[in-house]
């Protein structure tokens, strides 16, 4: 019988998710890793089993969904270090016509008053990605600017757009140059990815190709904008995401300066959320940290999460495809908590 982390994943697959990979680092060393399930289990939304169900591996690649927001945040902070933008200057300095109260800091703390989302694929079914992005820029604040907290994919899409304007390159290039190449993360980046190594996500009517989405971004708005956006679109292995988290835990070098990581993890004073908020990261989010009180990180809609606990010298990665073949499964929160509890056990 499997023990520890392997037993936790085995107890969740396939009921909670068809595939799962988890890794735990304690004081910089990998203390546990496990991989369970199948990269493709279903052929359609009706739950029919696929004839070929390749097993998940430790180096399988998953759609990170909103964990992508951490990569956008790091890029913006690196640009701020170089003086290419300022966190508290109006974003209108780069995007004329934007509400002057919107700043990079407010975008990264979800306090810009922007709505949670916008289905530009449905609004503009025949438009190009550039035309749809222009519509995103025209989205006005719908709630008080400056707070309270309101989670907004629109805000993080704008944050990625600001990075492109300040950095003079597409966001996927900036992530590659400022994060993945610097850290040697060969399996991390925006899609499309080689589907042979990628876990399938949701079966979506109207998307190209047969069966469920695989190797293309799951998020509808990101897909409608070309797949390279500030709120979603990054794919990675567990080992790569662990290395990214460990870099933050150790102070950011060579990706960021320690003072930038300190600002990233500082409580920015956003009110109205069940957790405190840093820049792009959630502090002590009960949905993902479990017993690791004081840790920070982010989760993704596809069933992913990264948790960094500097006080306990822990980094915890969980990658799943809980939206395969359809969204709405129960148990992902409990699985995240169980993995966090195992990390706490290994650290004590």
C-alpha atoms as a PDB file:
ATOM      1  CA  UNK A   1       0.000   0.000   0.000  1.00  0.00           C
ATOM      2  CA  UNK A   2       1.275   3.506  -0.739  1.00  0.00           C
ATOM      3  CA  UNK A   3       2.202   5.715   2.181  1.00  0.00           C
ATOM      4  CA  UNK A   4       2.434   9.429   2.804  1.00  0.00           C
ATOM      5  CA  UNK A   5       2.053  11.678  -0.220  1.00  0.00           C
ATOM      6  CA  UNK A   6       1.437   8.771  -2.590  1.00  0.00           C
ATOM      7  CA  UNK A   7      -1.433   7.538  -0.411  1.00  0.00           C
ATOM      8  CA  UNK A   8      -2.984  11.012  -0.322  1.00  0.00           C
ATOM      9  CA  UNK A   9      -3.013  11.256  -4.117  1.00  0.00           C
ATOM     10  CA  UNK A  10      -4.197   7.670  -4.525  1.00  0.00           C
ATOM     11  CA  UNK A  11      -7.150   8.456  -2.284  1.00  0.00           C
ATOM     12  CA  UNK A  12      -8.192  11.365  -4.506  1.00  0.00           C
ATOM     13  CA  UNK A  13      -7.676   9.879  -7.977  1.00  0.00           C
ATOM     14  CA  UNK A  14      -9.865   9.548 -10.011  1.00  0.00           C
ATOM     15  CA  UNK A  15     -12.775  10.822  -7.883  1.00  0.00           C
ATOM     16  CA  UNK A  16     -11.375  14.329  -7.301  1.00  0.00           C
ATOM     17  CA  UNK A  17      -9.130  14.505 -10.359  1.00  0.00           C
ATOM     18  CA  UNK A  18      -8.029  12.046 -13.044  1.00  0.00           C
ATOM     19  CA  UNK A  19      -4.338  12.928 -12.572  1.00  0.00           C
ATOM     20  CA  UNK A  20      -2.251  14.491  -9.827  1.00  0.00           C
ATOM     21  CA  UNK A  21       1.408  15.246  -9.196  1.00  0.00           C
ATOM     22  CA  UNK A  22       2.627  16.688  -5.898  1.00  0.00           C
ATOM     23  CA  UNK A  23       6.048  17.752  -4.653  1.00  0.00           C
ATOM     24  CA  UNK A  24       7.185  18.990  -1.246  1.00  0.00           C
ATOM     25  CA  UNK A  25      10.525  20.643  -0.532  1.00  0.00           C
ATOM     26  CA  UNK A  26      11.813  21.078   3.007  1.00  0.00           C
ATOM     27  CA  UNK A  27      14.713  23.481   3.495  1.00  0.00           C
ATOM     28  CA  UNK A  28      15.510  23.319  -0.210  1.00  0.00           C
ATOM     29  CA  UNK A  29      15.504  19.541  -0.603  1.00  0.00           C
ATOM     30  CA  UNK A  30      12.712  17.482  -2.157  1.00  0.00           C
ATOM     31  CA  UNK A  31      11.248  15.564   0.766  1.00  0.00           C
ATOM     32  CA  UNK A  32       8.377  13.886  -1.064  1.00  0.00           C
ATOM     33  CA  UNK A  33       7.004  13.520  -4.565  1.00  0.00           C
ATOM     34  CA  UNK A  34       4.203  11.428  -6.015  1.00  0.00           C
ATOM     35  CA  UNK A  35       2.348  11.045  -9.306  1.00  0.00           C
ATOM     36  CA  UNK A  36      -0.951   9.228  -9.728  1.00  0.00           C
ATOM     37  CA  UNK A  37      -3.571   8.819 -12.432  1.00  0.00           C
ATOM     38  CA  UNK A  38      -3.957   9.197 -16.173  1.00  0.00           C
ATOM     39  CA  UNK A  39      -3.177  12.158 -18.420  1.00  0.00           C
ATOM     40  CA  UNK A  40      -6.313  11.486 -20.456  1.00  0.00           C
ATOM     41  CA  UNK A  41      -9.106   9.480 -18.869  1.00  0.00           C
ATOM     42  CA  UNK A  42     -12.234  10.598 -20.708  1.00  0.00           C
ATOM     43  CA  UNK A  43     -13.187  11.201 -24.326  1.00  0.00           C
ATOM     44  CA  UNK A  44     -16.035  13.609 -23.703  1.00  0.00           C
ATOM     45  CA  UNK A  45     -18.191  15.433 -21.206  1.00  0.00           C
ATOM     46  CA  UNK A  46     -20.382  12.358 -20.783  1.00  0.00           C
ATOM     47  CA  UNK A  47     -17.575  10.598 -18.912  1.00  0.00           C
ATOM     48  CA  UNK A  48     -16.935   7.874 -21.482  1.00  0.00           C
ATOM     49  CA  UNK A  49     -13.510   6.320 -20.830  1.00  0.00           C
ATOM     50  CA  UNK A  50     -10.787   6.768 -23.425  1.00  0.00           C
ATOM     51  CA  UNK A  51      -9.439   3.669 -25.150  1.00  0.00           C
ATOM     52  CA  UNK A  52      -5.873   4.850 -24.456  1.00  0.00           C
ATOM     53  CA  UNK A  53      -5.220   6.317 -21.018  1.00  0.00           C
ATOM     54  CA  UNK A  54      -1.515   7.224 -20.699  1.00  0.00           C
ATOM     55  CA  UNK A  55      -0.275   7.291 -17.107  1.00  0.00           C
ATOM     56  CA  UNK A  56       0.753  10.539 -15.487  1.00  0.00           C
ATOM     57  CA  UNK A  57       4.473  10.900 -14.772  1.00  0.00           C
ATOM     58  CA  UNK A  58       6.473  13.083 -12.418  1.00  0.00           C
ATOM     59  CA  UNK A  59       7.500  15.215 -15.404  1.00  0.00           C
ATOM     60  CA  UNK A  60       4.001  15.568 -16.856  1.00  0.00           C
ATOM     61  CA  UNK A  61       2.898  19.088 -17.741  1.00  0.00           C
ATOM     62  CA  UNK A  62      -0.237  20.770 -16.393  1.00  0.00           C
ATOM     63  CA  UNK A  63      -2.183  23.914 -17.251  1.00  0.00           C
ATOM     64  CA  UNK A  64      -1.479  26.168 -14.246  1.00  0.00           C
ATOM     65  CA  UNK A  65      -4.528  28.415 -14.787  1.00  0.00           C
ATOM     66  CA  UNK A  66      -4.426  31.295 -12.277  1.00  0.00           C
ATOM     67  CA  UNK A  67      -1.060  30.264 -10.848  1.00  0.00           C
ATOM     68  CA  UNK A  68       0.087  32.035 -14.034  1.00  0.00           C
ATOM     69  CA  UNK A  69      -0.660  35.283 -12.192  1.00  0.00           C
ATOM     70  CA  UNK A  70       2.497  34.780 -10.117  1.00  0.00           C
ATOM     71  CA  UNK A  71       4.636  34.799 -13.262  1.00  0.00           C
ATOM     72  CA  UNK A  72       2.984  38.013 -14.431  1.00  0.00           C
ATOM     73  CA  UNK A  73       3.635  39.555 -11.024  1.00  0.00           C
ATOM     74  CA  UNK A  74       7.317  38.644 -11.093  1.00  0.00           C
ATOM     75  CA  UNK A  75       7.701  40.142 -14.560  1.00  0.00           C
ATOM     76  CA  UNK A  76       6.048  43.398 -13.462  1.00  0.00           C
ATOM     77  CA  UNK A  77       8.234  43.627 -10.368  1.00  0.00           C
ATOM     78  CA  UNK A  78      11.372  43.010 -12.408  1.00  0.00           C
ATOM     79  CA  UNK A  79      10.346  45.838 -14.740  1.00  0.00           C
ATOM     80  CA  UNK A  80       9.727  48.067 -11.728  1.00  0.00           C
ATOM     81  CA  UNK A  81      13.236  47.275 -10.490  1.00  0.00           C
ATOM     82  CA  UNK A  82      14.560  48.626 -13.784  1.00  0.00           C
ATOM     83  CA  UNK A  83      12.433  51.765 -13.574  1.00  0.00           C
ATOM     84  CA  UNK A  84      10.347  50.850 -16.607  1.00  0.00           C
ATOM     85  CA  UNK A  85       7.165  51.336 -14.618  1.00  0.00           C
ATOM     86  CA  UNK A  86       6.160  52.383 -11.111  1.00  0.00           C
ATOM     87  CA  UNK A  87       3.693  50.411  -9.042  1.00  0.00           C
ATOM     88  CA  UNK A  88       1.763  53.489  -7.971  1.00  0.00           C
ATOM     89  CA  UNK A  89       1.760  55.542 -11.157  1.00  0.00           C
ATOM     90  CA  UNK A  90      -1.440  55.627 -13.229  1.00  0.00           C
ATOM     91  CA  UNK A  91      -1.507  52.851 -15.783  1.00  0.00           C
ATOM     92  CA  UNK A  92      -2.833  55.523 -18.130  1.00  0.00           C
ATOM     93  CA  UNK A  93       0.781  56.606 -18.566  1.00  0.00           C
ATOM     94  CA  UNK A  94       1.129  53.494 -20.744  1.00  0.00           C
ATOM     95  CA  UNK A  95      -2.491  53.147 -21.868  1.00  0.00           C
ATOM     96  CA  UNK A  96      -3.974  56.563 -22.646  1.00  0.00           C
ATOM     97  CA  UNK A  97      -7.654  56.732 -21.808  1.00  0.00           C
ATOM     98  CA  UNK A  98      -7.501  54.221 -18.968  1.00  0.00           C
ATOM     99  CA  UNK A  99      -9.111  55.319 -15.710  1.00  0.00           C
ATOM    100  CA  UNK A 100      -6.320  57.327 -14.003  1.00  0.00           C
ATOM    101  CA  UNK A 101      -7.049  55.667 -10.654  1.00  0.00           C
ATOM    102  CA  UNK A 102      -5.933  52.275 -11.961  1.00  0.00           C
ATOM    103  CA  UNK A 103      -2.328  51.491 -11.011  1.00  0.00           C
ATOM    104  CA  UNK A 104      -0.186  48.352 -11.274  1.00  0.00           C
ATOM    105  CA  UNK A 105      -0.403  47.898  -7.497  1.00  0.00           C
ATOM    106  CA  UNK A 106      -4.201  47.992  -7.578  1.00  0.00           C
ATOM    107  CA  UNK A 107      -4.248  45.496 -10.430  1.00  0.00           C
ATOM    108  CA  UNK A 108      -1.984  43.120  -8.513  1.00  0.00           C
ATOM    109  CA  UNK A 109      -4.065  43.418  -5.338  1.00  0.00           C
ATOM    110  CA  UNK A 110      -7.449  43.179  -7.091  1.00  0.00           C
ATOM    111  CA  UNK A 111      -8.483  46.589  -5.788  1.00  0.00           C
ATOM    112  CA  UNK A 112      -8.857  48.413  -9.121  1.00  0.00           C
ATOM    113  CA  UNK A 113     -12.627  48.012  -9.057  1.00  0.00           C
ATOM    114  CA  UNK A 114     -12.667  45.972 -12.260  1.00  0.00           C
ATOM    115  CA  UNK A 115     -15.234  43.204 -12.815  1.00  0.00           C
ATOM    116  CA  UNK A 116     -14.193  39.587 -12.208  1.00  0.00           C
ATOM    117  CA  UNK A 117     -14.311  38.544 -15.851  1.00  0.00           C
ATOM    118  CA  UNK A 118     -15.471  39.275 -19.349  1.00  0.00           C
ATOM    119  CA  UNK A 119     -16.286  36.713 -22.030  1.00  0.00           C
ATOM    120  CA  UNK A 120     -14.933  38.582 -25.029  1.00  0.00           C
ATOM    121  CA  UNK A 121     -15.146  35.382 -27.056  1.00  0.00           C
ATOM    122  CA  UNK A 122     -18.918  35.579 -26.787  1.00  0.00           C
ATOM    123  CA  UNK A 123     -19.131  39.363 -27.037  1.00  0.00           C
ATOM    124  CA  UNK A 124     -16.919  39.495 -30.135  1.00  0.00           C
ATOM    125  CA  UNK A 125     -17.135  36.058 -31.762  1.00  0.00           C
ATOM    126  CA  UNK A 126     -15.623  37.154 -35.073  1.00  0.00           C
ATOM    127  CA  UNK A 127     -12.983  39.552 -33.721  1.00  0.00           C
ATOM    128  CA  UNK A 128      -9.225  39.067 -33.661  1.00  0.00           C
ATOM    129  CA  UNK A 129      -7.274  38.630 -30.438  1.00  0.00           C
ATOM    130  CA  UNK A 130      -6.017  42.219 -30.766  1.00  0.00           C
ATOM    131  CA  UNK A 131      -9.562  43.559 -31.160  1.00  0.00           C
ATOM    132  CA  UNK A 132     -10.678  41.596 -28.120  1.00  0.00           C
ATOM    133  CA  UNK A 133      -7.751  42.937 -26.083  1.00  0.00           C
ATOM    134  CA  UNK A 134      -8.731  46.462 -27.091  1.00  0.00           C
ATOM    135  CA  UNK A 135     -12.164  45.731 -25.634  1.00  0.00           C
ATOM    136  CA  UNK A 136     -10.549  44.532 -22.403  1.00  0.00           C
ATOM    137  CA  UNK A 137      -8.675  47.837 -22.112  1.00  0.00           C
ATOM    138  CA  UNK A 138     -11.983  49.674 -22.438  1.00  0.00           C
ATOM    139  CA  UNK A 139     -13.505  47.815 -19.463  1.00  0.00           C
ATOM    140  CA  UNK A 140     -14.384  50.481 -16.893  1.00  0.00           C
ATOM    141  CA  UNK A 141     -14.276  49.994 -13.109  1.00  0.00           C
ATOM    142  CA  UNK A 142     -17.618  48.628 -11.934  1.00  0.00           C
ATOM    143  CA  UNK A 143     -16.857  48.776  -8.212  1.00  0.00           C
ATOM    144  CA  UNK A 144     -15.016  51.171  -5.863  1.00  0.00           C
ATOM    145  CA  UNK A 145     -11.436  51.800  -6.980  1.00  0.00           C
ATOM    146  CA  UNK A 146      -8.973  51.234  -4.144  1.00  0.00           C
ATOM    147  CA  UNK A 147     -10.969  48.506  -2.459  1.00  0.00           C
ATOM    148  CA  UNK A 148     -12.519  46.443  -1.175  1.00  0.00           C
ATOM    149  CA  UNK A 149     -10.896  43.394  -2.757  1.00  0.00           C
ATOM    150  CA  UNK A 150     -12.687  41.952  -5.789  1.00  0.00           C
ATOM    151  CA  UNK A 151     -10.931  39.143  -7.615  1.00  0.00           C
ATOM    152  CA  UNK A 152     -10.573  40.182 -11.247  1.00  0.00           C
ATOM    153  CA  UNK A 153      -9.147  38.284 -14.165  1.00  0.00           C
ATOM    154  CA  UNK A 154      -9.681  41.484 -16.151  1.00  0.00           C
ATOM    155  CA  UNK A 155      -7.262  43.287 -13.832  1.00  0.00           C
ATOM    156  CA  UNK A 156      -4.562  40.663 -14.268  1.00  0.00           C
ATOM    157  CA  UNK A 157      -5.046  40.646 -18.041  1.00  0.00           C
ATOM    158  CA  UNK A 158      -4.409  44.389 -17.911  1.00  0.00           C
ATOM    159  CA  UNK A 159      -1.371  43.772 -15.689  1.00  0.00           C
ATOM    160  CA  UNK A 160       0.046  41.468 -18.353  1.00  0.00           C
ATOM    161  CA  UNK A 161      -0.688  44.083 -20.995  1.00  0.00           C
ATOM    162  CA  UNK A 162       1.147  46.732 -18.973  1.00  0.00           C
ATOM    163  CA  UNK A 163       4.134  44.394 -18.717  1.00  0.00           C
ATOM    164  CA  UNK A 164       4.184  44.075 -22.503  1.00  0.00           C
ATOM    165  CA  UNK A 165       4.053  47.837 -22.993  1.00  0.00           C
ATOM    166  CA  UNK A 166       6.718  48.575 -20.366  1.00  0.00           C
ATOM    167  CA  UNK A 167       8.915  45.648 -21.366  1.00  0.00           C
ATOM    168  CA  UNK A 168       8.645  46.130 -25.108  1.00  0.00           C
ATOM    169  CA  UNK A 169       7.909  42.471 -25.822  1.00  0.00           C
ATOM    170  CA  UNK A 170       5.045  39.964 -25.693  1.00  0.00           C
ATOM    171  CA  UNK A 171       4.305  38.527 -22.254  1.00  0.00           C
ATOM    172  CA  UNK A 172       5.447  35.015 -23.162  1.00  0.00           C
ATOM    173  CA  UNK A 173       8.820  36.437 -24.198  1.00  0.00           C
ATOM    174  CA  UNK A 174       9.097  38.449 -20.977  1.00  0.00           C
ATOM    175  CA  UNK A 175       8.274  35.390 -18.863  1.00  0.00           C
ATOM    176  CA  UNK A 176      10.873  33.395 -20.756  1.00  0.00           C
ATOM    177  CA  UNK A 177      13.597  36.031 -20.528  1.00  0.00           C
ATOM    178  CA  UNK A 178      12.947  37.131 -16.952  1.00  0.00           C
ATOM    179  CA  UNK A 179      11.828  33.910 -15.272  1.00  0.00           C
ATOM    180  CA  UNK A 180      12.125  30.570 -17.007  1.00  0.00           C
ATOM    181  CA  UNK A 181      15.491  31.027 -18.748  1.00  0.00           C
ATOM    182  CA  UNK A 182      16.959  32.691 -15.663  1.00  0.00           C
ATOM    183  CA  UNK A 183      15.898  29.740 -13.495  1.00  0.00           C
ATOM    184  CA  UNK A 184      16.444  27.023 -16.097  1.00  0.00           C
ATOM    185  CA  UNK A 185      12.775  25.983 -16.207  1.00  0.00           C
ATOM    186  CA  UNK A 186      12.789  24.161 -19.520  1.00  0.00           C
ATOM    187  CA  UNK A 187       9.238  22.804 -19.199  1.00  0.00           C
ATOM    188  CA  UNK A 188       7.509  26.025 -18.171  1.00  0.00           C
ATOM    189  CA  UNK A 189       5.881  28.555 -20.473  1.00  0.00           C
ATOM    190  CA  UNK A 190       2.803  29.527 -22.371  1.00  0.00           C
ATOM    191  CA  UNK A 191       1.101  27.088 -24.698  1.00  0.00           C
ATOM    192  CA  UNK A 192       0.420  25.478 -26.990  1.00  0.00           C
ATOM    193  CA  UNK A 193       2.366  22.541 -25.581  1.00  0.00           C
ATOM    194  CA  UNK A 194       3.155  19.077 -26.933  1.00  0.00           C
ATOM    195  CA  UNK A 195      -0.022  17.243 -25.898  1.00  0.00           C
ATOM    196  CA  UNK A 196       1.812  13.952 -25.359  1.00  0.00           C
ATOM    197  CA  UNK A 197       3.092  15.173 -21.974  1.00  0.00           C
ATOM    198  CA  UNK A 198       0.148  17.366 -20.991  1.00  0.00           C
ATOM    199  CA  UNK A 199      -2.793  16.465 -18.779  1.00  0.00           C
ATOM    200  CA  UNK A 200      -6.138  16.918 -20.512  1.00  0.00           C
ATOM    201  CA  UNK A 201      -8.551  19.461 -19.082  1.00  0.00           C
ATOM    202  CA  UNK A 202     -12.189  20.181 -19.854  1.00  0.00           C
ATOM    203  CA  UNK A 203     -14.217  18.979 -22.813  1.00  0.00           C
ATOM    204  CA  UNK A 204     -15.492  22.171 -24.428  1.00  0.00           C
ATOM    205  CA  UNK A 205     -17.995  22.348 -27.234  1.00  0.00           C
ATOM    206  CA  UNK A 206     -16.856  24.736 -29.914  1.00  0.00           C
ATOM    207  CA  UNK A 207     -13.141  24.438 -29.270  1.00  0.00           C
ATOM    208  CA  UNK A 208     -10.956  23.069 -32.112  1.00  0.00           C
ATOM    209  CA  UNK A 209     -10.004  19.421 -32.087  1.00  0.00           C
ATOM    210  CA  UNK A 210     -11.718  16.267 -30.929  1.00  0.00           C
ATOM    211  CA  UNK A 211     -12.179  15.290 -27.311  1.00  0.00           C
ATOM    212  CA  UNK A 212     -11.056  17.365 -24.354  1.00  0.00           C
ATOM    213  CA  UNK A 213      -8.718  20.360 -24.368  1.00  0.00           C
ATOM    214  CA  UNK A 214      -5.099  19.202 -24.179  1.00  0.00           C
ATOM    215  CA  UNK A 215      -2.010  21.324 -24.678  1.00  0.00           C
ATOM    216  CA  UNK A 216      -4.074  24.487 -25.234  1.00  0.00           C
ATOM    217  CA  UNK A 217      -5.044  26.902 -22.492  1.00  0.00           C
ATOM    218  CA  UNK A 218      -8.225  25.908 -20.667  1.00  0.00           C
ATOM    219  CA  UNK A 219      -9.353  29.420 -19.703  1.00  0.00           C
ATOM    220  CA  UNK A 220     -11.873  30.719 -22.235  1.00  0.00           C
ATOM    221  CA  UNK A 221     -10.860  34.365 -22.070  1.00  0.00           C
ATOM    222  CA  UNK A 222      -7.163  33.591 -22.338  1.00  0.00           C
ATOM    223  CA  UNK A 223      -7.864  31.357 -25.332  1.00  0.00           C
ATOM    224  CA  UNK A 224      -9.918  34.134 -26.946  1.00  0.00           C
ATOM    225  CA  UNK A 225      -6.986  36.525 -26.479  1.00  0.00           C
ATOM    226  CA  UNK A 226      -4.458  34.182 -28.086  1.00  0.00           C
ATOM    227  CA  UNK A 227      -3.462  32.118 -25.048  1.00  0.00           C
ATOM    228  CA  UNK A 228      -0.819  34.507 -23.686  1.00  0.00           C
ATOM    229  CA  UNK A 229      -2.380  36.594 -20.926  1.00  0.00           C
ATOM    230  CA  UNK A 230      -1.587  37.901 -17.477  1.00  0.00           C
ATOM    231  CA  UNK A 231      -4.176  35.802 -15.675  1.00  0.00           C
ATOM    232  CA  UNK A 232      -3.758  32.351 -17.268  1.00  0.00           C
ATOM    233  CA  UNK A 233      -1.939  30.386 -19.941  1.00  0.00           C
ATOM    234  CA  UNK A 234       1.270  29.123 -18.322  1.00  0.00           C
ATOM    235  CA  UNK A 235       1.991  25.378 -18.325  1.00  0.00           C
ATOM    236  CA  UNK A 236       4.591  23.691 -16.097  1.00  0.00           C
ATOM    237  CA  UNK A 237       5.821  20.536 -14.453  1.00  0.00           C
ATOM    238  CA  UNK A 238       5.750  20.118 -10.681  1.00  0.00           C
ATOM    239  CA  UNK A 239       9.548  20.274 -10.499  1.00  0.00           C
ATOM    240  CA  UNK A 240       9.673  23.563 -12.405  1.00  0.00           C
ATOM    241  CA  UNK A 241       6.949  25.136 -10.290  1.00  0.00           C
ATOM    242  CA  UNK A 242       8.704  23.940  -7.156  1.00  0.00           C
ATOM    243  CA  UNK A 243      11.930  25.621  -8.319  1.00  0.00           C
ATOM    244  CA  UNK A 244      10.003  28.836  -8.980  1.00  0.00           C
ATOM    245  CA  UNK A 245       8.486  28.735  -5.500  1.00  0.00           C
ATOM    246  CA  UNK A 246      11.823  27.948  -3.889  1.00  0.00           C
ATOM    247  CA  UNK A 247      13.330  30.963  -5.624  1.00  0.00           C
ATOM    248  CA  UNK A 248      10.720  33.180  -4.006  1.00  0.00           C
ATOM    249  CA  UNK A 249      11.222  31.495  -0.632  1.00  0.00           C
ATOM    250  CA  UNK A 250      14.954  32.145  -0.782  1.00  0.00           C
ATOM    251  CA  UNK A 251      14.591  35.821  -1.614  1.00  0.00           C
ATOM    252  CA  UNK A 252      14.148  35.972  -5.378  1.00  0.00           C
ATOM    253  CA  UNK A 253      17.660  35.854  -6.761  1.00  0.00           C
ATOM    254  CA  UNK A 254      18.496  35.808  -9.636  1.00  0.00           C
ATOM    255  CA  UNK A 255      14.907  36.507 -10.681  1.00  0.00           C
ATOM    256  CA  UNK A 256      14.098  39.383  -8.312  1.00  0.00           C
ATOM    257  CA  UNK A 257      15.786  41.427  -5.628  1.00  0.00           C
ATOM    258  CA  UNK A 258      15.032  40.480  -2.015  1.00  0.00           C
ATOM    259  CA  UNK A 259      13.281  43.797  -1.441  1.00  0.00           C
ATOM    260  CA  UNK A 260      10.926  43.049  -4.341  1.00  0.00           C
ATOM    261  CA  UNK A 261      10.024  39.672  -2.830  1.00  0.00           C
ATOM    262  CA  UNK A 262       9.523  41.377   0.526  1.00  0.00           C
ATOM    263  CA  UNK A 263       7.064  43.765  -1.119  1.00  0.00           C
ATOM    264  CA  UNK A 264       5.386  40.909  -2.978  1.00  0.00           C
ATOM    265  CA  UNK A 265       4.730  39.107   0.314  1.00  0.00           C
ATOM    266  CA  UNK A 266       3.826  42.191   2.371  1.00  0.00           C
ATOM    267  CA  UNK A 267       0.207  42.645   3.396  1.00  0.00           C
ATOM    268  CA  UNK A 268      -0.962  45.367   1.003  1.00  0.00           C
ATOM    269  CA  UNK A 269      -4.004  46.242   3.100  1.00  0.00           C
ATOM    270  CA  UNK A 270      -6.716  44.998   0.744  1.00  0.00           C
ATOM    271  CA  UNK A 271      -9.947  44.483   2.668  1.00  0.00           C
ATOM    272  CA  UNK A 272     -12.935  42.275   2.009  1.00  0.00           C
ATOM    273  CA  UNK A 273     -11.230  38.927   1.324  1.00  0.00           C
ATOM    274  CA  UNK A 274     -10.963  35.830   3.570  1.00  0.00           C
ATOM    275  CA  UNK A 275      -7.183  36.235   3.436  1.00  0.00           C
ATOM    276  CA  UNK A 276      -4.593  38.995   3.335  1.00  0.00           C
ATOM    277  CA  UNK A 277      -3.188  39.978  -0.039  1.00  0.00           C
ATOM    278  CA  UNK A 278       0.323  40.696  -1.224  1.00  0.00           C
ATOM    279  CA  UNK A 279       1.267  41.651  -4.766  1.00  0.00           C
ATOM    280  CA  UNK A 280      -0.244  38.946  -6.919  1.00  0.00           C
ATOM    281  CA  UNK A 281      -0.148  36.420  -4.063  1.00  0.00           C
ATOM    282  CA  UNK A 282      -2.623  35.427  -1.397  1.00  0.00           C
ATOM    283  CA  UNK A 283      -1.355  35.464   2.166  1.00  0.00           C
ATOM    284  CA  UNK A 284      -2.737  32.766   4.452  1.00  0.00           C
ATOM    285  CA  UNK A 285      -5.516  31.794   2.045  1.00  0.00           C
ATOM    286  CA  UNK A 286      -7.483  29.101   3.918  1.00  0.00           C
ATOM    287  CA  UNK A 287      -8.440  27.419   0.652  1.00  0.00           C
ATOM    288  CA  UNK A 288      -4.859  26.374  -0.114  1.00  0.00           C
ATOM    289  CA  UNK A 289      -2.578  26.635   2.939  1.00  0.00           C
ATOM    290  CA  UNK A 290      -4.466  24.266   5.240  1.00  0.00           C
ATOM    291  CA  UNK A 291      -2.456  23.978   8.468  1.00  0.00           C
ATOM    292  CA  UNK A 292       0.438  26.044   7.055  1.00  0.00           C
ATOM    293  CA  UNK A 293      -0.698  29.265   8.685  1.00  0.00           C
ATOM    294  CA  UNK A 294       1.235  32.288   7.456  1.00  0.00           C
ATOM    295  CA  UNK A 295       2.130  30.732   4.095  1.00  0.00           C
ATOM    296  CA  UNK A 296       1.450  32.415   0.766  1.00  0.00           C
ATOM    297  CA  UNK A 297       0.740  31.337  -2.785  1.00  0.00           C
ATOM    298  CA  UNK A 298      -2.013  30.934  -5.344  1.00  0.00           C
ATOM    299  CA  UNK A 299      -4.380  28.340  -6.739  1.00  0.00           C
ATOM    300  CA  UNK A 300      -5.626  27.653 -10.253  1.00  0.00           C
ATOM    301  CA  UNK A 301      -9.094  26.790 -11.518  1.00  0.00           C
ATOM    302  CA  UNK A 302      -7.828  23.634 -13.232  1.00  0.00           C
ATOM    303  CA  UNK A 303      -6.874  22.237  -9.808  1.00  0.00           C
ATOM    304  CA  UNK A 304      -3.350  23.532  -9.274  1.00  0.00           C
ATOM    305  CA  UNK A 305      -1.665  25.316  -6.380  1.00  0.00           C
ATOM    306  CA  UNK A 306       1.673  26.628  -5.153  1.00  0.00           C
ATOM    307  CA  UNK A 307       2.219  27.306  -1.439  1.00  0.00           C
ATOM    308  CA  UNK A 308       5.393  28.841  -0.002  1.00  0.00           C
ATOM    309  CA  UNK A 309       5.987  28.821   3.750  1.00  0.00           C
ATOM    310  CA  UNK A 310       9.202  30.701   4.582  1.00  0.00           C
ATOM    311  CA  UNK A 311       8.852  30.262   8.352  1.00  0.00           C
ATOM    312  CA  UNK A 312       8.764  26.457   8.045  1.00  0.00           C
ATOM    313  CA  UNK A 313      11.176  26.404   5.056  1.00  0.00           C
ATOM    314  CA  UNK A 314       8.539  24.688   2.908  1.00  0.00           C
ATOM    315  CA  UNK A 315       7.432  24.840  -0.717  1.00  0.00           C
ATOM    316  CA  UNK A 316       4.423  22.748  -1.732  1.00  0.00           C
ATOM    317  CA  UNK A 317       3.191  22.070  -5.278  1.00  0.00           C
ATOM    318  CA  UNK A 318       0.009  20.302  -6.288  1.00  0.00           C
ATOM    319  CA  UNK A 319      -0.865  19.915  -9.968  1.00  0.00           C
ATOM    320  CA  UNK A 320      -4.135  18.275 -11.012  1.00  0.00           C
ATOM    321  CA  UNK A 321      -6.631  18.386 -13.837  1.00  0.00           C
ATOM    322  CA  UNK A 322      -9.767  18.458 -11.690  1.00  0.00           C
ATOM    323  CA  UNK A 323     -11.770  20.005 -14.568  1.00  0.00           C
ATOM    324  CA  UNK A 324     -11.370  16.877 -16.741  1.00  0.00           C
ATOM    325  CA  UNK A 325     -13.811  16.072 -18.321  1.00  0.00           C
ATOM    326  CA  UNK A 326     -16.042  18.759 -16.758  1.00  0.00           C
ATOM    327  CA  UNK A 327     -15.715  21.361 -14.007  1.00  0.00           C
ATOM    328  CA  UNK A 328     -17.472  21.201 -10.664  1.00  0.00           C
ATOM    329  CA  UNK A 329     -15.820  18.227  -8.958  1.00  0.00           C
ATOM    330  CA  UNK A 330     -15.800  18.142  -5.180  1.00  0.00           C
ATOM    331  CA  UNK A 331     -12.769  17.544  -2.996  1.00  0.00           C
ATOM    332  CA  UNK A 332      -9.957  19.678  -4.445  1.00  0.00           C
ATOM    333  CA  UNK A 333      -9.834  21.911  -1.348  1.00  0.00           C
ATOM    334  CA  UNK A 334      -9.576  18.856   0.894  1.00  0.00           C
ATOM    335  CA  UNK A 335      -6.827  17.426  -1.308  1.00  0.00           C
ATOM    336  CA  UNK A 336      -4.852  20.677  -1.088  1.00  0.00           C
ATOM    337  CA  UNK A 337      -5.215  20.628   2.702  1.00  0.00           C
ATOM    338  CA  UNK A 338      -4.107  17.003   2.927  1.00  0.00           C
ATOM    339  CA  UNK A 339      -0.969  17.722   0.901  1.00  0.00           C
ATOM    340  CA  UNK A 340      -0.244  20.782   3.067  1.00  0.00           C
ATOM    341  CA  UNK A 341      -0.698  18.676   6.209  1.00  0.00           C
ATOM    342  CA  UNK A 342       1.780  16.132   4.864  1.00  0.00           C
ATOM    343  CA  UNK A 343       4.249  18.948   4.236  1.00  0.00           C
ATOM    344  CA  UNK A 344       3.835  20.109   7.818  1.00  0.00           C
ATOM    345  CA  UNK A 345       4.464  16.565   9.038  1.00  0.00           C
ATOM    346  CA  UNK A 346       7.657  16.318   7.007  1.00  0.00           C
ATOM    347  CA  UNK A 347       8.907  19.677   8.305  1.00  0.00           C
ATOM    348  CA  UNK A 348       8.483  18.825  11.986  1.00  0.00           C
END
